Amino acid sequence: MNSETIPEGEKKRLEKVGYDTSGKLSRSASFLMSDNRTLLSEKKEKKLEILSTELAVEKYPWVKDLMFKLVSKDKDDYTRLAASSPPRGFFLRVLPGAKINIPVQSCFFIKTKRLSQVVHNIIVAEPESEVHIITGCTTASYVKQGSHIGITEFYVRENATLTYTMLHDWAPEVVVYPRSSALVEKNGVFISNYIALTRVKEINSYPEAHVKDGGIARFYSIIYAQDESFFDIGAATFLEEKGARGEIINRVVSSGGRVVSRGHILGAAKDTKGHMECSGLLLNKKGMIHAIPELKGIFPETELSHEAAVGKIADEEINYLMTRGIDKDTAVSLIVRGFLDTKIKGLPPQLQKLIAGIIEKSSLGGRI
């Protein structure tokens, strides 16, 4: 299977969300789904395995035991729909002790108008392993409406590190309902990065992480909400055992879209620490940003904190750039680009460069 069935003109859509169709970029494994059909599933590293979820369940009966173990089948209508659908999506397993320095890439592509794409991904980082995954989600240029329901369950075993970067570039009338959860075992590290910079009808996403002894979970979201877009996004981190750490950082810009930015951290054990931030910029009167930070401590030796700020770009910042010959629109674009281009702690340089490049291209393309 390969990506040749994707029309040449549409491959640029995949490349915009970090999926390399040319084979020129270094990737340790690749997975590509078009509508509800797997087009590509291949690996270049011996110490990892990537399969469609359907094949993984057939090959390894124990994979079925991992499905809906972290995300309840009865969580909502979308999980119930996924539970009643054939198993689609991808299964990724990194073998114990394997350090996969070259990113894995996956992509979910909708090419049929009004299609509902339903996927279930299972990702396992075995003890002492390390892996970085780039997942892009997009539609064909002619597709304006559709839906994507994505269940993803992450198993970060003892002393493993898993970085998951998701890039969304949907169409204006697409609705998106990711449902994901991570189990972070002793001294494991889970980093989730979510970037959405284009217009979409609705995205509703609230991933969770259950963090055990000495583990770390970090969630970063970078959102640019254009006119008529609605985002209900955030994350929940449950610090369940001694020394667990959690961080939730949301950067949001609204140029007319509505954003609800949620965050919840539970401190439930000794020496646990958690912090969350939501910073928002409103570019006009049409937009809305609603920050809802929640901290809950149920053990006396926990340390939880949050910061939230929503406002406009300071006039003096714009005026400063304009005095140096930059027009107002360009000045606003530069300020917003710098606001969104956040350095993400623990992110490999190649992924940081990818995110910075996407933010810059979006800015130059007139979206920001």
Protein backbone atom coordinates (compact mmCIF):
# COMPACT_ATOMS: atom_id res chain seq x y z
CA MET A 1 0.00 0.00 0.00
CA ASN A 2 1.21 3.51 -0.72
CA SER A 3 0.09 7.11 -1.01
CA GLU A 4 -0.10 7.10 -4.80
CA THR A 5 -3.90 6.96 -4.65
CA ILE A 6 -3.87 10.47 -3.16
CA PRO A 7 -4.13 12.93 -6.10
CA GLU A 8 -0.93 14.89 -6.66
CA GLY A 9 -2.69 18.18 -6.01
CA GLU A 10 -3.94 16.95 -2.65
CA LYS A 11 -0.56 15.79 -1.37
CA LYS A 12 0.23 19.40 -0.48
CA ARG A 13 -2.62 19.22 2.03
CA LEU A 14 -0.87 16.31 3.76
CA GLU A 15 2.48 18.10 3.73
CA LYS A 16 0.94 21.12 5.46
CA VAL A 17 0.22 18.95 8.50
CA GLY A 18 3.69 17.43 8.66
CA TYR A 19 3.18 14.30 6.55
CA ASP A 20 5.96 13.80 4.02
CA THR A 21 4.70 12.26 0.77
CA SER A 22 8.00 12.66 -1.09
CA GLY A 23 10.09 10.34 1.05
CA LYS A 24 12.76 13.03 1.35
CA LEU A 25 12.30 13.62 5.07
CA SER A 26 13.50 11.18 7.70
CA ARG A 27 10.64 9.15 9.15
CA SER A 28 10.97 5.95 11.17
CA ALA A 29 7.49 4.77 10.22
CA SER A 30 4.47 6.00 8.27
CA PHE A 31 0.74 5.44 8.44
CA LEU A 32 -1.84 6.99 6.12
CA MET A 33 -5.61 6.61 6.20
CA SER A 34 -7.88 8.03 3.50
CA ASP A 35 -11.53 8.19 4.56
CA ASN A 36 -11.89 4.88 6.45
CA ARG A 37 -9.32 2.91 4.45
CA THR A 38 -5.66 2.35 5.27
CA LEU A 39 -3.45 3.31 2.32
CA LEU A 40 -0.03 2.97 3.89
CA SER A 41 1.50 1.27 6.91
CA GLU A 42 5.26 0.78 6.89
CA LYS A 43 8.29 1.04 9.13
CA LYS A 44 12.02 1.64 8.69
CA GLU A 45 13.08 0.84 12.24
CA LYS A 46 13.29 -2.77 13.45
CA LYS A 47 12.52 -1.83 17.03
CA LEU A 48 9.03 -0.59 16.43
CA GLU A 49 5.90 -1.98 14.86
CA ILE A 50 3.09 -0.12 13.13
CA LEU A 51 -0.06 -1.77 11.82
CA SER A 52 -3.64 -0.87 11.13
CA THR A 53 -5.71 -1.41 14.25
CA GLU A 54 -7.71 -4.07 12.41
CA LEU A 55 -4.60 -6.12 11.62
CA ALA A 56 -3.14 -5.58 15.09
CA VAL A 57 -6.24 -7.06 16.73
CA GLU A 58 -5.95 -10.10 14.46
CA LYS A 59 -2.21 -10.54 15.03
CA TYR A 60 -2.13 -9.80 18.76
CA PRO A 61 -5.28 -10.75 20.69
CA TRP A 62 -4.02 -8.75 23.69
CA VAL A 63 -4.42 -5.50 21.73
CA LYS A 64 -8.17 -5.87 22.03
CA ASP A 65 -7.74 -5.80 25.82
CA LEU A 66 -6.15 -2.34 25.52
CA MET A 67 -9.03 -0.91 23.51
CA PHE A 68 -11.44 1.19 25.59
CA LYS A 69 -9.40 0.47 28.71
CA LEU A 70 -8.47 4.15 29.17
CA VAL A 71 -11.35 5.73 27.24
CA SER A 72 -14.74 4.39 28.27
CA LYS A 73 -17.02 3.07 25.54
CA ASP A 74 -19.86 4.87 27.28
CA LYS A 75 -18.14 8.22 27.71
CA ASP A 76 -20.47 9.86 25.17
CA ASP A 77 -22.24 9.30 21.85
CA TYR A 78 -18.96 9.52 19.93
CA THR A 79 -17.22 6.79 21.90
CA ARG A 80 -20.29 4.60 21.59
CA LEU A 81 -20.23 5.11 17.83
CA ALA A 82 -16.52 4.19 17.74
CA ALA A 83 -17.19 1.07 19.84
CA SER A 84 -19.86 -0.07 17.38
CA SER A 85 -17.66 0.57 14.32
CA PRO A 86 -15.02 -1.76 12.82
CA PRO A 87 -11.55 -1.21 14.36
CA ARG A 88 -9.77 1.35 12.18
CA GLY A 89 -6.78 3.59 12.80
CA PHE A 90 -3.27 2.51 13.74
CA PHE A 91 -1.46 0.46 16.36
CA LEU A 92 2.09 1.50 17.25
CA ARG A 93 4.39 -0.36 19.61
CA VAL A 94 7.96 0.63 20.47
CA LEU A 95 10.00 -2.27 21.83
CA PRO A 96 11.59 -2.14 25.31
CA GLY A 97 14.70 0.02 25.47
CA ALA A 98 14.37 1.30 21.88
CA LYS A 99 15.27 4.96 21.33
CA ILE A 100 13.56 6.01 18.11
CA ASN A 101 15.10 9.39 17.35
CA ILE A 102 13.49 9.83 13.92
CA PRO A 103 9.76 10.74 14.12
CA VAL A 104 6.92 8.42 13.25
CA GLN A 105 4.36 10.06 10.95
CA SER A 106 0.66 9.33 10.62
CA CYS A 107 -2.11 11.12 8.76
CA PHE A 108 -5.89 10.98 8.61
CA PHE A 109 -7.25 12.35 5.35
CA ILE A 110 -10.89 12.88 4.37
CA LYS A 111 -11.38 12.88 0.60
CA THR A 112 -15.12 12.22 0.37
CA LYS A 113 -17.67 14.97 0.97
CA ARG A 114 -19.77 14.65 4.13
CA LEU A 115 -17.93 11.52 5.22
CA SER A 116 -17.73 10.49 8.88
CA GLN A 117 -14.23 9.18 9.64
CA VAL A 118 -14.06 7.02 12.76
CA VAL A 119 -10.69 5.78 14.05
CA HIS A 120 -9.24 4.06 17.11
CA ASN A 121 -5.50 4.28 17.74
CA ILE A 122 -3.49 2.29 20.28
CA ILE A 123 0.05 3.49 21.07
CA VAL A 124 2.38 1.58 23.40
CA ALA A 125 5.82 2.82 24.47
CA GLU A 126 7.36 -0.13 26.27
CA PRO A 127 9.71 0.31 29.30
CA GLU A 128 12.83 2.46 28.73
CA SER A 129 11.75 3.33 25.15
CA GLU A 130 11.44 6.71 23.45
CA VAL A 131 9.39 7.78 20.43
CA HIS A 132 8.12 10.96 18.75
CA ILE A 133 4.92 10.88 16.68
CA ILE A 134 3.61 13.51 14.26
CA THR A 135 -0.07 13.08 13.40
CA GLY A 136 -1.66 15.29 10.76
CA CYS A 137 -5.39 15.55 10.04
CA THR A 138 -6.81 17.27 6.97
CA THR A 139 -9.31 17.16 4.11
CA ALA A 140 -9.13 17.33 0.35
CA SER A 141 -9.33 20.88 -1.00
CA TYR A 142 -12.84 20.28 -2.39
CA VAL A 143 -14.23 18.83 0.85
CA LYS A 144 -16.03 21.42 2.98
CA GLN A 145 -18.13 19.22 5.27
CA GLY A 146 -17.47 16.05 7.21
CA SER A 147 -16.70 14.67 10.65
CA HIS A 148 -13.79 13.00 12.39
CA ILE A 149 -14.11 10.94 15.55
CA GLY A 150 -10.77 9.76 16.90
CA ILE A 151 -10.18 7.52 19.92
CA THR A 152 -6.52 7.33 20.98
CA GLU A 153 -5.19 5.43 23.97
CA PHE A 154 -1.56 5.90 25.03
CA TYR A 155 0.34 3.44 27.22
CA VAL A 156 3.60 4.97 28.45
CA ARG A 157 5.37 2.24 30.35
CA GLU A 158 8.01 2.62 33.08
CA ASN A 159 10.82 5.07 32.20
CA ALA A 160 9.46 5.53 28.66
CA THR A 161 9.06 8.86 26.84
CA LEU A 162 6.34 9.53 24.27
CA THR A 163 5.88 12.81 22.43
CA TYR A 164 2.69 13.16 20.39
CA THR A 165 2.28 16.19 18.13
CA MET A 166 -1.08 16.61 16.40
CA LEU A 167 -1.60 19.14 13.59
CA HIS A 168 -5.12 19.92 12.37
CA ASP A 169 -5.98 21.65 9.08
CA TRP A 170 -9.65 20.88 8.56
CA ALA A 171 -12.25 22.41 6.24
CA PRO A 172 -14.67 25.16 7.36
CA GLU A 173 -17.68 22.89 7.98
CA VAL A 174 -15.91 19.89 9.53
CA VAL A 175 -16.69 18.79 13.10
CA VAL A 176 -14.00 16.99 15.10
CA TYR A 177 -14.34 14.94 18.28
CA PRO A 178 -11.04 13.47 19.55
CA ARG A 179 -11.30 11.33 22.67
CA SER A 180 -7.96 10.31 24.14
CA SER A 181 -6.37 9.22 27.38
CA ALA A 182 -2.85 8.33 28.52
CA LEU A 183 -1.54 6.05 31.23
CA VAL A 184 1.89 7.28 32.35
CA GLU A 185 3.62 4.65 34.47
CA LYS A 186 6.53 5.09 36.91
CA ASN A 187 9.00 7.76 35.73
CA GLY A 188 7.36 7.87 32.31
CA VAL A 189 7.05 11.09 30.29
CA PHE A 190 4.10 11.95 28.06
CA ILE A 191 4.10 15.17 26.01
CA SER A 192 1.05 16.08 23.95
CA ASN A 193 1.16 19.00 21.50
CA TYR A 194 -1.97 20.15 19.68
CA ILE A 195 -1.91 22.78 16.92
CA ALA A 196 -4.96 24.07 15.00
CA LEU A 197 -4.61 27.26 12.98
CA THR A 198 -7.34 27.07 10.32
CA ARG A 199 -11.08 27.60 10.23
CA VAL A 200 -13.23 24.66 11.35
CA LYS A 201 -16.85 24.36 12.40
CA GLU A 202 -16.21 22.70 15.75
CA ILE A 203 -13.45 20.88 17.62
CA ASN A 204 -14.23 19.32 20.98
CA SER A 205 -11.15 17.83 22.63
CA TYR A 206 -10.38 17.08 26.28
CA PRO A 207 -7.58 14.50 26.61
CA GLU A 208 -6.67 12.97 29.96
CA ALA A 209 -3.51 11.66 31.57
CA HIS A 210 -3.27 9.38 34.60
CA VAL A 211 0.21 9.86 36.03
CA LYS A 212 1.87 7.35 38.34
CA ASP A 213 4.97 7.41 40.57
CA GLY A 214 7.45 10.07 39.36
CA GLY A 215 5.76 10.37 35.96
CA ILE A 216 5.28 13.56 33.95
CA ALA A 217 2.44 14.63 31.66
CA ARG A 218 2.51 17.87 29.67
CA PHE A 219 -0.22 19.20 27.40
CA TYR A 220 0.37 22.13 25.04
CA SER A 221 -2.30 23.61 22.76
CA ILE A 222 -1.83 26.33 20.14
CA ILE A 223 -5.14 27.55 18.72
CA TYR A 224 -6.02 30.22 16.16
CA ALA A 225 -9.80 30.54 16.04
CA GLN A 226 -11.04 32.14 12.87
CA ASP A 227 -14.49 33.56 12.23
CA GLU A 228 -17.33 31.03 12.70
CA SER A 229 -15.04 28.47 14.34
CA PHE A 230 -15.77 26.97 17.74
CA PHE A 231 -13.16 25.23 19.90
CA ASP A 232 -13.89 23.52 23.18
CA ILE A 233 -10.41 22.36 24.12
CA GLY A 234 -8.28 21.58 27.13
CA ALA A 235 -6.88 18.69 29.13
CA ALA A 236 -7.12 16.92 32.46
CA THR A 237 -4.15 15.55 34.40
CA PHE A 238 -4.59 13.25 37.37
CA LEU A 239 -1.48 13.09 39.58
CA GLU A 240 -2.24 9.81 41.25
CA GLU A 241 1.03 8.70 42.86
CA LYS A 242 4.04 10.14 44.68
CA GLY A 243 6.13 12.66 42.76
CA ALA A 244 3.86 12.88 39.72
CA ARG A 245 4.07 16.12 37.68
CA GLY A 246 1.62 17.76 35.30
CA GLU A 247 1.49 20.85 33.11
CA ILE A 248 -1.26 22.25 30.84
CA ILE A 249 -0.42 25.24 28.62
CA ASN A 250 -2.97 26.76 26.20
CA ARG A 251 -2.14 29.59 23.79
CA VAL A 252 -5.24 30.95 22.06
CA VAL A 253 -5.86 33.68 19.48
CA SER A 254 -9.36 34.58 18.30
CA SER A 255 -9.99 36.62 15.15
CA GLY A 256 -13.73 36.03 15.42
CA GLY A 257 -13.96 32.44 16.60
CA ARG A 258 -15.20 31.22 19.96
CA VAL A 259 -12.90 29.27 22.29
CA VAL A 260 -13.55 27.55 25.60
CA SER A 261 -10.16 26.69 27.11
CA ARG A 262 -10.40 24.17 29.93
CA GLY A 263 -7.86 22.66 32.27
CA HIS A 264 -8.10 20.37 35.27
CA ILE A 265 -5.30 19.10 37.51
CA LEU A 266 -5.88 16.75 40.41
CA GLY A 267 -3.22 16.43 43.10
CA ALA A 268 -3.92 13.12 44.81
CA ALA A 269 -0.59 12.04 46.29
CA LYS A 270 2.53 13.16 48.14
CA ASP A 271 4.99 15.57 46.48
CA THR A 272 2.82 16.06 43.40
CA LYS A 273 3.11 19.30 41.41
CA GLY A 274 0.90 20.73 38.68
CA HIS A 275 0.67 23.99 36.79
CA MET A 276 -1.59 25.34 34.06
CA GLU A 277 -1.67 28.48 31.94
CA CYS A 278 -4.16 29.92 29.48
CA SER A 279 -3.11 33.01 27.54
CA GLY A 280 -5.55 34.47 25.04
CA LEU A 281 -5.53 37.30 22.50
CA LEU A 282 -8.76 38.76 21.12
CA LEU A 283 -8.21 40.50 17.78
CA ASN A 284 -11.75 41.87 17.35
CA LYS A 285 -15.17 42.15 19.00
CA LYS A 286 -16.62 39.11 17.25
CA GLY A 287 -14.49 36.56 19.07
CA MET A 288 -14.72 35.02 22.53
CA ILE A 289 -12.21 33.26 24.80
CA HIS A 290 -13.46 31.62 27.98
CA ALA A 291 -10.75 30.21 30.26
CA ILE A 292 -11.84 27.61 32.83
CA PRO A 293 -8.91 26.46 35.00
CA GLU A 294 -9.62 23.91 37.73
CA LEU A 295 -7.28 22.76 40.48
CA LYS A 296 -8.24 20.06 42.95
CA GLY A 297 -6.04 18.93 45.79
CA ILE A 298 -7.06 15.92 47.87
CA PHE A 299 -3.68 15.31 49.52
CA PRO A 300 -1.98 17.88 51.78
CA GLU A 301 1.46 17.58 50.16
CA THR A 302 0.48 18.69 46.67
CA GLU A 303 1.40 21.96 44.94
CA LEU A 304 -0.93 23.22 42.23
CA SER A 305 -1.02 26.59 40.46
CA HIS A 306 -2.58 28.34 37.48
CA GLU A 307 -2.38 31.55 35.45
CA ALA A 308 -4.96 32.89 33.02
CA ALA A 309 -4.99 36.07 30.95
CA VAL A 310 -7.23 37.21 28.10
CA GLY A 311 -7.00 40.56 26.35
CA LYS A 312 -6.03 42.46 23.22
CA ILE A 313 -2.65 43.28 21.70
CA ALA A 314 -1.20 46.33 23.42
CA ASP A 315 -1.36 49.44 21.24
CA GLU A 316 2.23 50.33 22.11
CA GLU A 317 3.44 47.05 20.60
CA ILE A 318 1.73 47.80 17.29
CA ASN A 319 2.86 51.43 17.33
CA TYR A 320 6.45 50.42 18.01
CA LEU A 321 6.56 48.23 14.90
CA MET A 322 4.75 50.84 12.78
CA THR A 323 7.34 53.47 13.66
CA ARG A 324 9.87 51.17 12.00
CA GLY A 325 8.04 51.16 8.69
CA ILE A 326 5.84 48.09 9.20
CA ASP A 327 2.17 48.47 8.26
CA LYS A 328 -0.48 47.71 10.88
CA ASP A 329 -1.67 44.36 9.46
CA THR A 330 1.88 43.05 9.22
CA ALA A 331 2.63 44.31 12.74
CA VAL A 332 -0.37 42.43 14.13
CA SER A 333 0.65 39.30 12.21
CA LEU A 334 4.18 39.43 13.62
CA ILE A 335 2.95 39.89 17.19
CA VAL A 336 0.46 37.03 16.90
CA ARG A 337 3.05 34.77 15.31
CA GLY A 338 5.44 35.43 18.19
CA PHE A 339 2.65 34.84 20.71
CA LEU A 340 1.79 31.44 19.21
CA ASP A 341 5.37 30.33 18.54
CA THR A 342 5.88 28.93 22.03
CA LYS A 343 8.96 26.90 22.86
CA ILE A 344 7.67 23.58 24.13
CA LYS A 345 9.62 22.01 26.96
CA GLY A 346 11.13 18.65 26.08
CA LEU A 347 10.26 18.83 22.39
CA PRO A 348 12.97 17.56 20.02
CA PRO A 349 14.48 20.34 17.84
CA GLN A 350 13.13 18.85 14.59
CA LEU A 351 9.55 18.92 15.92
CA GLN A 352 9.97 22.43 17.34
CA LYS A 353 11.20 23.52 13.91
CA LEU A 354 8.20 21.88 12.24
CA ILE A 355 5.72 23.69 14.49
CA ALA A 356 7.49 27.04 14.01
CA GLY A 357 7.42 26.52 10.25
CA ILE A 358 3.68 25.78 10.23
CA ILE A 359 2.93 28.87 12.30
CA GLU A 360 5.07 31.00 9.97
CA LYS A 361 3.46 29.60 6.82
CA SER A 362 0.01 30.21 8.24
CA SER A 363 1.00 33.78 8.99
CA LEU A 364 2.44 34.40 5.55
CA GLY A 365 -0.62 32.83 3.99
CA GLY A 366 -2.79 35.53 5.46
CA ARG A 367 -4.58 33.37 8.03
CA ILE A 368 -3.03 35.22 10.94
